[in-house]
Amino acid sequence: MKTMIPMNSVFKLYVDNEAAVKLAQNPKFYRRTKHIRNGHFYVRECVSDGELEVKRVTAEFQLADIMTKPLLKPRLTTLCDKIRLT
């Protein structure tokens, strides 16, 4: 069941994986993607419904890395500055 949350604009999801962007935007089924779970198809459905926009961002600007990867101090400092975390 889909829970509807009213939004004023399309939610943007930034990913640093070109293949993920293409899979989210292409509604075709491919034999090579049959292993992908239903969660991915939910994202694809949201994209086709205009509720979600998946955009590519280079790894350099992927702000989520601060929460998902161990980073060296210069990279950590750069990302902290970008999200205004002191």
Protein backbone atom coordinates (compact mmCIF):
# COMPACT_ATOMS: atom_id res chain seq x y z
CA MET A 1 0.00 0.00 0.00
CA LYS A 2 1.36 3.37 -1.00
CA THR A 3 1.37 6.11 1.64
CA MET A 4 0.78 9.51 0.12
CA ILE A 5 2.65 12.49 1.54
CA PRO A 6 1.66 15.82 0.01
CA MET A 7 4.65 17.55 -1.59
CA ASN A 8 5.02 20.86 -3.37
CA SER A 9 7.63 19.61 -5.82
CA VAL A 10 9.19 16.45 -7.20
CA PHE A 11 11.59 14.79 -4.79
CA LYS A 12 15.10 14.45 -6.23
CA LEU A 13 17.28 11.45 -5.49
CA TYR A 14 20.96 11.98 -6.30
CA VAL A 15 23.03 8.85 -6.98
CA ASP A 16 26.59 8.38 -8.19
CA ASN A 17 25.81 5.25 -10.20
CA GLU A 18 24.90 5.76 -13.86
CA ALA A 19 23.40 2.26 -14.16
CA ALA A 20 21.05 2.94 -11.23
CA VAL A 21 19.83 6.13 -12.91
CA LYS A 22 19.17 4.32 -16.19
CA LEU A 23 17.35 1.43 -14.49
CA ALA A 24 15.14 3.83 -12.54
CA GLN A 25 14.20 5.78 -15.65
CA ASN A 26 13.67 2.83 -18.03
CA PRO A 27 10.39 0.94 -17.48
CA LYS A 28 11.44 -2.04 -19.64
CA PHE A 29 12.08 -5.44 -18.09
CA TYR A 30 15.36 -7.08 -18.99
CA ARG A 31 16.39 -10.67 -18.37
CA ARG A 32 19.65 -9.46 -16.84
CA THR A 33 17.79 -7.46 -14.18
CA LYS A 34 15.49 -10.23 -12.99
CA HIS A 35 17.50 -10.55 -9.75
CA ILE A 36 16.53 -7.04 -8.65
CA ARG A 37 14.06 -7.02 -5.78
CA ASN A 38 10.68 -5.32 -5.77
CA GLY A 39 12.03 -2.30 -3.86
CA HIS A 40 13.77 -1.15 -7.01
CA PHE A 41 10.56 -1.40 -8.99
CA TYR A 42 8.88 0.87 -6.43
CA VAL A 43 11.48 3.53 -7.26
CA ARG A 44 10.87 2.99 -10.97
CA GLU A 45 7.11 3.34 -10.39
CA CYS A 46 7.62 6.62 -8.50
CA VAL A 47 9.79 7.94 -11.35
CA SER A 48 7.18 7.02 -13.97
CA ASP A 49 4.42 8.62 -11.83
CA GLY A 50 6.42 11.86 -11.66
CA GLU A 51 6.80 11.66 -7.87
CA LEU A 52 10.55 11.09 -7.90
CA GLU A 53 13.40 12.27 -10.09
CA VAL A 54 16.62 10.27 -10.09
CA LYS A 55 19.66 12.33 -11.04
CA ARG A 56 23.32 11.45 -11.38
CA VAL A 57 25.89 13.24 -9.28
CA THR A 58 29.62 12.59 -9.43
CA ALA A 59 31.19 10.77 -6.50
CA GLU A 60 32.96 14.01 -5.59
CA PHE A 61 29.63 15.65 -4.74
CA GLN A 62 27.85 12.64 -3.20
CA LEU A 63 26.96 14.06 0.22
CA ALA A 64 25.60 10.71 1.46
CA ASP A 65 29.18 9.40 1.64
CA ILE A 66 29.61 11.20 4.94
CA MET A 67 27.12 8.74 6.49
CA THR A 68 27.95 5.60 4.52
CA LYS A 69 31.72 5.38 4.11
CA PRO A 70 34.88 5.77 6.14
CA LEU A 71 36.54 8.92 4.83
CA LEU A 72 39.95 10.51 5.11
CA LYS A 73 40.03 13.82 6.97
CA PRO A 74 40.27 16.11 3.88
CA ARG A 75 37.22 14.46 2.25
CA LEU A 76 35.30 14.44 5.54
CA THR A 77 36.06 18.13 6.08
CA THR A 78 34.92 19.00 2.54
CA LEU A 79 31.62 17.15 2.93
CA CYS A 80 31.01 18.61 6.39
CA ASP A 81 31.48 22.09 4.93
CA LYS A 82 29.02 21.33 2.13
CA ILE A 83 26.27 20.29 4.53
CA ARG A 84 27.21 23.06 6.97
CA LEU A 85 28.15 20.64 9.74
CA THR A 86 30.66 21.98 12.21
